[in-house]
Amino acid sequence: MGSKKELQAAIAVLGLCMLVFGCTKTAESENSKKQVKIGVAVYNEEDVYVSKICGYLEDEIFQYEKDHPGVEIRKKIADARGSQQEQNDQIDQFISLDYDLLLVNIVDRTNAAVIIDKATQADIPVVFFNREPVREDIFRSDQIYYEGSDAKQSAILQADVIADALEKNRSKIDRNGDGVIQFAMLEGESGHQDTLIRSEWVLKELENKKIPTQQIAGSTGNWEKNQANVIVRQWMKEYPNQIEVIISNNDDMALGAWEALEEKGCTEVQVVGIDGIEEVRELVDEDKILGSVLCDTKLHAKALMQFIDVLAFHNGSVEKLNLENERYYMIPLTKVEK
C-alpha cells in the first residue's frame, strides 16, 4: 500500500517537473527569438492610401514571422494627424526607445533633415515612404532610403487614360464637340511635390499628345474625399454644363468628386484619379469613373518588408533590393481603365 502511494507521489512529482520544464522551455524559446522594433510614423492615418499600405504591411509582417519562427517583429504606428511637430516628437520617442528601423511617411518633406540627423546620430536607418523628401536630404547621410512611385510617370499615365478614352469614344469626353477638353483640377496638398508634379505633367502630356484643353476650375482638396466632395458640388453650381473632365491628383479626391456628381445628377462629367485604390477600380469596371493609375499598396508593403528584412534583421545588403541610385525603391505603375 505504501509503495503504491510512493509510486503515485513519484509520478505526480515527475509530471510537475515536466510541466515546469515545458513552461521554462517555452519561455526560453520566446526569449530566444530575435526581436526587432519597427517604428512607423505616418502623416495622417485617415488617408485611405496610407492606411491601406499600413494594413498590408501588417499582413507582410504576419507572413514573415510565420516563415521565420525564430523572429518577432514589434511594430508601432504613430499618427501625426498632419502635424510635423507631433511627428518629430513621435520620432524622438522611437529613438529614445532604441528602435531598430524607422519607416516614415513624412508630414512636411522639407523637414526630413531634422529626422535624418537625429536617426543618424542614434545609428538607426530610416526609410521614407509615399511622401518623398527632397533629394539632398535622402543623400544627407548613410542608411537613408525612399520607397514610393514616380509622380511624373503617374501623371503621364493619367493623361494616357484620358487619351485612350478619347480614342475609344470621343463624344463621351468632348461632350460639346468643340475639340477642346474643358476640365477642372482637384489638387492635393498645397506645395506638396506630388501635387505640383502631377498637376503639371498631366497637362504637359495632354499637350504632347496634341489634345487641346481649357481649365474651367481648380481647387486644393488636400488629398481628402470630403473636401473634394464639397468643392465639386460647388463647381456644379458655378459652372453648369461647362466641365467635361475632373482631373484629380489622387483617388480619394476622385471618389469625393464622383459622389458629388452622383448627388447632383451630373454623371456625364468624367473623373480620372491616381492611386488605383480598390473602390475606384470597381467604379472603373462599372463604367462610373473614367480611370486611374495603379500605385499598388500591396507592392508598397512588400517593399517595406524587404527593407525590414535587410536593415533590421541584416539579411544581406541593400544591393539585393536593386535600388535606383542606391537609395530609391520605386514601385511600377499601370493604367486602370475600362
Protein backbone atom coordinates (compact mmCIF):
# COMPACT_ATOMS: atom_id res chain seq x y z
CA MET A 1 0.00 0.00 0.00
CA GLY A 2 2.80 2.34 0.97
CA SER A 3 4.75 1.57 -2.19
CA LYS A 4 1.65 2.39 -4.28
CA LYS A 5 1.34 5.81 -2.63
CA GLU A 6 5.05 6.38 -3.13
CA LEU A 7 4.68 5.48 -6.82
CA GLN A 8 1.76 7.89 -7.22
CA ALA A 9 3.72 10.63 -5.48
CA ALA A 10 6.72 9.99 -7.72
CA ILE A 11 4.54 10.18 -10.84
CA ALA A 12 2.99 13.44 -9.61
CA VAL A 13 6.41 14.95 -8.94
CA LEU A 14 7.62 13.77 -12.35
CA GLY A 15 4.56 15.34 -14.03
CA LEU A 16 5.12 18.61 -12.20
CA CYS A 17 8.76 18.66 -13.23
CA MET A 18 7.82 18.02 -16.85
CA LEU A 19 5.24 20.81 -16.72
CA VAL A 20 7.72 23.27 -15.19
CA PHE A 21 10.40 22.19 -17.64
CA GLY A 22 8.00 22.57 -20.56
CA CYS A 23 6.92 26.04 -19.45
CA THR A 24 10.53 27.03 -18.92
CA LYS A 25 11.48 25.78 -22.37
CA THR A 26 8.54 27.68 -23.89
CA ALA A 27 9.58 30.86 -22.11
CA GLU A 28 13.19 30.30 -23.17
CA SER A 29 12.00 29.73 -26.75
CA GLU A 30 10.07 33.01 -26.69
CA ASN A 31 13.01 34.84 -25.17
CA SER A 32 15.42 33.31 -27.68
CA LYS A 33 13.51 34.80 -30.63
CA LYS A 34 15.32 37.58 -32.40
CA GLN A 35 13.21 40.68 -31.80
CA VAL A 36 13.27 43.91 -33.75
CA LYS A 37 11.31 47.09 -33.13
CA ILE A 38 9.93 48.98 -36.12
CA GLY A 39 8.57 52.50 -35.73
CA VAL A 40 6.07 53.52 -38.42
CA ALA A 41 5.38 57.26 -38.47
CA VAL A 42 2.52 58.33 -40.77
CA TYR A 43 1.42 61.85 -41.66
CA ASN A 44 -2.29 61.04 -41.33
CA GLU A 45 -3.72 57.58 -40.70
CA GLU A 46 -7.08 58.73 -42.09
CA ASP A 47 -5.51 58.94 -45.53
CA VAL A 48 -7.06 55.93 -47.29
CA TYR A 49 -3.99 55.15 -49.37
CA VAL A 50 -1.54 55.31 -46.45
CA SER A 51 -3.92 53.31 -44.27
CA LYS A 52 -4.02 50.53 -46.88
CA ILE A 53 -0.22 50.41 -47.06
CA CYS A 54 -0.06 50.00 -43.26
CA GLY A 55 -2.73 47.31 -43.35
CA TYR A 56 -0.89 45.29 -45.98
CA LEU A 57 2.38 45.78 -44.09
CA GLU A 58 0.72 44.10 -41.11
CA ASP A 59 -0.07 41.14 -43.38
CA GLU A 60 3.52 41.05 -44.63
CA ILE A 61 4.87 41.04 -41.07
CA PHE A 62 2.50 38.22 -40.07
CA GLN A 63 3.67 36.12 -43.01
CA TYR A 64 7.34 36.89 -42.35
CA GLU A 65 7.05 35.75 -38.73
CA LYS A 66 5.25 32.62 -39.89
CA ASP A 67 8.04 31.85 -42.37
CA HIS A 68 10.74 32.70 -39.81
CA PRO A 69 9.68 31.13 -36.47
CA GLY A 70 12.79 32.42 -34.72
CA VAL A 71 11.94 36.11 -35.13
CA GLU A 72 9.47 38.60 -33.69
CA ILE A 73 8.67 42.00 -35.19
CA ARG A 74 7.28 44.59 -32.83
CA LYS A 75 5.70 47.34 -34.90
CA LYS A 76 4.18 50.56 -33.61
CA ILE A 77 2.29 53.03 -35.81
CA ALA A 78 2.32 56.69 -34.76
CA ASP A 79 -0.21 59.02 -36.39
CA ALA A 80 0.95 62.65 -36.68
CA ARG A 81 -2.54 63.82 -37.76
CA GLY A 82 -0.96 66.31 -40.15
CA SER A 83 1.36 67.92 -37.58
CA GLN A 84 5.10 67.87 -38.26
CA GLN A 85 5.85 68.82 -34.66
CA GLU A 86 3.78 65.86 -33.48
CA GLN A 87 5.67 63.57 -35.85
CA ASN A 88 9.03 64.91 -34.66
CA ASP A 89 8.03 64.10 -31.07
CA GLN A 90 6.97 60.59 -32.14
CA ILE A 91 10.30 60.05 -33.90
CA ASP A 92 12.11 61.24 -30.76
CA GLN A 93 10.25 58.63 -28.74
CA PHE A 94 11.11 55.84 -31.18
CA ILE A 95 14.77 56.85 -30.99
CA SER A 96 14.77 57.06 -27.18
CA LEU A 97 13.34 53.52 -27.04
CA ASP A 98 16.13 52.27 -29.31
CA TYR A 99 14.00 51.15 -32.25
CA ASP A 100 15.83 49.21 -34.96
CA LEU A 101 14.27 50.85 -38.02
CA LEU A 102 12.08 53.87 -38.77
CA LEU A 103 9.54 53.88 -41.61
CA VAL A 104 8.49 57.48 -42.11
CA ASN A 105 5.57 58.86 -44.12
CA ILE A 106 6.65 62.42 -43.52
CA VAL A 107 4.26 65.33 -42.94
CA ASP A 108 6.47 68.07 -44.38
CA ARG A 109 9.00 66.87 -46.93
CA THR A 110 11.22 69.89 -46.21
CA ASN A 111 11.61 68.79 -42.58
CA ALA A 112 13.36 65.48 -43.31
CA ALA A 113 16.81 66.76 -42.31
CA VAL A 114 15.74 67.07 -38.67
CA ILE A 115 14.61 63.43 -38.57
CA ILE A 116 17.63 62.19 -40.53
CA ASP A 117 20.17 63.91 -38.27
CA LYS A 118 18.61 62.50 -35.10
CA ALA A 119 18.31 58.99 -36.52
CA THR A 120 21.85 59.07 -37.88
CA GLN A 121 23.23 60.12 -34.51
CA ALA A 122 21.41 57.13 -32.97
CA ASP A 123 22.59 54.83 -35.80
CA ILE A 124 19.02 53.95 -36.80
CA PRO A 125 18.22 53.51 -40.53
CA VAL A 126 15.28 55.45 -41.98
CA VAL A 127 13.05 54.54 -44.93
CA PHE A 128 10.79 57.36 -46.05
CA PHE A 129 7.76 56.12 -47.94
CA ASN A 130 4.99 57.50 -50.15
CA ARG A 131 5.85 61.16 -49.41
CA GLU A 132 9.27 61.90 -50.86
CA PRO A 133 11.75 64.24 -49.12
CA VAL A 134 13.95 66.48 -51.23
CA ARG A 135 16.77 64.62 -52.94
CA GLU A 136 19.52 66.39 -50.99
CA ASP A 137 18.11 65.02 -47.73
CA ILE A 138 17.95 61.44 -48.98
CA PHE A 139 21.72 61.66 -49.61
CA ARG A 140 22.38 63.60 -46.41
CA SER A 141 23.55 60.50 -44.57
CA ASP A 142 24.08 56.77 -44.91
CA GLN A 143 21.18 54.38 -44.26
CA ILE A 144 18.56 56.80 -45.60
CA TYR A 145 16.18 55.50 -48.29
CA TYR A 146 12.95 56.28 -50.10
CA GLU A 147 10.21 53.87 -51.16
CA GLY A 148 7.48 55.16 -53.44
CA SER A 149 6.44 55.75 -57.03
CA ASP A 150 7.32 58.24 -59.75
CA ALA A 151 4.92 61.20 -59.60
CA LYS A 152 5.79 62.30 -63.13
CA GLN A 153 5.11 58.86 -64.56
CA SER A 154 1.77 58.64 -62.74
CA ALA A 155 0.71 61.95 -64.32
CA ILE A 156 1.78 60.83 -67.78
CA LEU A 157 -0.22 57.63 -67.41
CA GLN A 158 -3.21 59.66 -66.19
CA ALA A 159 -3.01 61.65 -69.44
CA ASP A 160 -2.84 58.33 -71.32
CA VAL A 161 -6.12 57.26 -69.70
CA ILE A 162 -7.81 60.42 -70.98
CA ALA A 163 -6.27 60.00 -74.43
CA ASP A 164 -7.35 56.34 -74.61
CA ALA A 165 -10.91 57.28 -73.68
CA LEU A 166 -10.96 59.97 -76.37
CA GLU A 167 -9.84 57.46 -78.97
CA LYS A 168 -12.48 54.91 -77.93
CA ASN A 169 -15.43 57.29 -77.64
CA ARG A 170 -14.65 60.95 -78.23
CA SER A 171 -18.19 62.17 -77.57
CA LYS A 172 -18.07 60.69 -74.06
CA ILE A 173 -15.25 63.09 -73.17
CA ASP A 174 -15.67 66.02 -75.56
CA ARG A 175 -19.41 66.35 -74.99
CA ASN A 176 -19.81 69.75 -76.66
CA GLY A 177 -17.82 68.62 -79.72
CA ASP A 178 -15.58 71.70 -79.84
CA GLY A 179 -12.36 69.65 -79.99
CA VAL A 180 -11.21 71.03 -76.63
CA ILE A 181 -11.36 69.24 -73.27
CA GLN A 182 -12.86 71.54 -70.64
CA PHE A 183 -11.51 70.32 -67.31
CA ALA A 184 -11.32 71.09 -63.60
CA MET A 185 -8.32 70.15 -61.46
CA LEU A 186 -8.54 68.71 -57.95
CA GLU A 187 -5.13 69.20 -56.41
CA GLY A 188 -3.61 67.57 -53.35
CA GLU A 189 -1.79 69.30 -50.54
CA SER A 190 -0.66 72.80 -51.48
CA GLY A 191 3.09 72.93 -52.16
CA HIS A 192 3.47 69.15 -51.95
CA GLN A 193 5.87 67.73 -54.53
CA ASP A 194 3.41 65.15 -55.87
CA THR A 195 0.72 67.83 -56.21
CA LEU A 196 2.99 70.07 -58.25
CA ILE A 197 4.36 67.31 -60.46
CA ARG A 198 1.06 65.53 -61.10
CA SER A 199 -0.77 68.75 -61.92
CA GLU A 200 1.97 69.95 -64.23
CA TRP A 201 2.73 66.76 -66.10
CA VAL A 202 -0.78 65.53 -66.82
CA LEU A 203 -1.36 68.77 -68.74
CA LYS A 204 2.07 68.68 -70.40
CA GLU A 205 1.43 65.14 -71.59
CA LEU A 206 -2.01 66.04 -72.95
CA GLU A 207 -0.31 68.89 -74.81
CA ASN A 208 2.35 66.47 -76.09
CA LYS A 209 -0.47 64.30 -77.43
CA LYS A 210 -1.94 67.34 -79.24
CA ILE A 211 -5.08 67.28 -77.08
CA PRO A 212 -6.29 70.88 -76.54
CA THR A 213 -7.50 71.68 -73.04
CA GLN A 214 -9.20 74.55 -71.25
CA GLN A 215 -9.22 74.81 -67.47
CA ILE A 216 -12.62 75.83 -66.12
CA ALA A 217 -11.89 75.47 -62.40
CA GLY A 218 -9.31 74.26 -59.92
CA SER A 219 -9.02 73.89 -56.17
CA THR A 220 -6.98 72.24 -53.43
CA GLY A 221 -8.66 69.23 -51.83
CA ASN A 222 -5.69 68.21 -49.64
CA TRP A 223 -5.94 64.60 -50.85
CA GLU A 224 -9.24 64.26 -48.91
CA LYS A 225 -12.50 62.80 -50.16
CA ASN A 226 -14.81 65.04 -48.15
CA GLN A 227 -13.08 68.24 -49.21
CA ALA A 228 -13.28 67.17 -52.85
CA ASN A 229 -16.98 66.43 -52.48
CA VAL A 230 -17.70 69.94 -51.21
CA ILE A 231 -15.57 71.52 -53.94
CA VAL A 232 -17.19 69.61 -56.80
CA ARG A 233 -20.73 70.30 -55.57
CA GLN A 234 -19.85 74.00 -55.66
CA TRP A 235 -18.38 73.65 -59.14
CA MET A 236 -21.57 72.10 -60.43
CA LYS A 237 -23.43 75.21 -59.23
CA GLU A 238 -20.93 77.73 -60.56
CA TYR A 239 -20.13 76.07 -63.90
CA PRO A 240 -23.24 74.15 -65.02
CA ASN A 241 -22.64 72.04 -68.15
CA GLN A 242 -19.15 73.51 -68.59
CA ILE A 243 -16.85 70.87 -67.08
CA GLU A 244 -16.24 67.73 -69.13
CA VAL A 245 -13.47 66.06 -67.11
CA ILE A 246 -12.33 66.33 -63.49
CA ILE A 247 -8.63 65.51 -63.15
CA SER A 248 -7.80 64.51 -59.59
CA ASN A 249 -4.32 64.23 -58.07
CA ASN A 250 -5.41 61.12 -56.16
CA ASP A 251 -8.20 58.57 -55.92
CA ASP A 252 -9.61 59.62 -52.57
CA MET A 253 -10.48 63.03 -54.02
CA ALA A 254 -11.71 61.32 -57.20
CA LEU A 255 -14.15 59.33 -55.05
CA GLY A 256 -15.37 62.52 -53.40
CA ALA A 257 -15.83 64.10 -56.83
CA TRP A 258 -17.75 61.12 -58.18
CA GLU A 259 -20.08 61.08 -55.15
CA ALA A 260 -20.76 64.80 -55.60
CA LEU A 261 -21.56 64.27 -59.29
CA GLU A 262 -23.93 61.44 -58.35
CA GLU A 263 -25.68 63.67 -55.81
CA LYS A 264 -26.05 66.47 -58.36
CA GLY A 265 -27.12 64.22 -61.21
CA CYS A 266 -24.08 65.20 -63.28
CA THR A 267 -22.70 61.74 -64.01
CA GLU A 268 -21.86 62.71 -67.59
CA VAL A 269 -18.79 64.52 -66.17
CA GLN A 270 -15.83 62.14 -66.30
CA VAL A 271 -13.41 61.67 -63.40
CA VAL A 272 -9.85 60.37 -63.52
CA GLY A 273 -7.62 59.79 -60.49
CA ILE A 274 -4.28 58.35 -59.37
CA ASP A 275 -3.58 55.51 -56.89
CA GLY A 276 -5.82 52.71 -58.16
CA ILE A 277 -7.46 52.02 -54.80
CA GLU A 278 -9.96 49.16 -54.80
CA GLU A 279 -13.08 51.34 -54.57
CA VAL A 280 -12.07 53.31 -57.65
CA ARG A 281 -11.06 50.21 -59.62
CA GLU A 282 -14.55 48.81 -59.01
CA LEU A 283 -16.15 52.05 -60.24
CA VAL A 284 -13.96 51.96 -63.35
CA ASP A 285 -15.16 48.40 -64.03
CA GLU A 286 -18.73 49.64 -63.63
CA ASP A 287 -18.00 52.48 -66.11
CA LYS A 288 -18.73 55.12 -63.46
CA ILE A 289 -15.22 56.57 -63.17
CA LEU A 290 -13.12 57.03 -66.28
CA GLY A 291 -9.89 55.61 -64.93
CA SER A 292 -6.92 55.81 -62.59
CA VAL A 293 -3.26 54.87 -62.27
CA LEU A 294 -2.46 51.90 -60.06
CA CYS A 295 0.24 52.56 -57.46
CA ASP A 296 -0.21 49.17 -55.80
CA THR A 297 -0.41 49.44 -52.00
CA LYS A 298 0.43 45.74 -51.68
CA LEU A 299 3.69 46.32 -53.56
CA HIS A 300 4.48 49.23 -51.24
CA ALA A 301 4.01 46.94 -48.24
CA LYS A 302 6.16 44.19 -49.77
CA ALA A 303 8.92 46.71 -50.46
CA LEU A 304 8.83 47.98 -46.86
CA MET A 305 9.01 44.38 -45.63
CA GLN A 306 12.12 43.87 -47.75
CA PHE A 307 13.69 46.89 -46.08
CA ILE A 308 12.82 45.42 -42.66
CA ASP A 309 14.46 42.14 -43.66
CA VAL A 310 17.68 43.84 -44.81
CA LEU A 311 18.02 46.79 -42.43
CA ALA A 312 16.55 45.39 -39.20
CA PHE A 313 17.47 41.69 -39.49
CA HIS A 314 20.63 42.33 -41.57
CA ASN A 315 19.75 39.57 -44.04
CA GLY A 316 22.04 40.60 -46.87
CA SER A 317 22.81 44.08 -48.15
CA VAL A 318 20.57 46.70 -49.72
CA GLU A 319 22.20 45.85 -53.05
CA LYS A 320 19.79 42.93 -53.42
CA LEU A 321 16.89 45.41 -53.47
CA ASN A 322 18.05 46.82 -56.83
CA LEU A 323 17.65 50.40 -55.69
CA GLU A 324 17.85 53.34 -58.07
CA ASN A 325 20.89 55.49 -57.25
CA GLU A 326 21.43 53.15 -54.29
CA ARG A 327 18.67 54.90 -52.32
CA TYR A 328 15.33 54.70 -54.19
CA TYR A 329 12.92 51.75 -54.34
CA MET A 330 10.36 52.73 -57.00
CA ILE A 331 7.04 50.90 -57.41
CA PRO A 332 5.94 50.27 -61.03
CA LEU A 333 2.73 51.95 -62.21
CA THR A 334 -0.05 50.73 -64.52
CA LYS A 335 -3.17 52.28 -66.04
CA VAL A 336 -6.61 51.39 -64.70
CA GLU A 337 -9.22 51.80 -67.41
CA LYS A 338 -12.29 50.10 -68.83
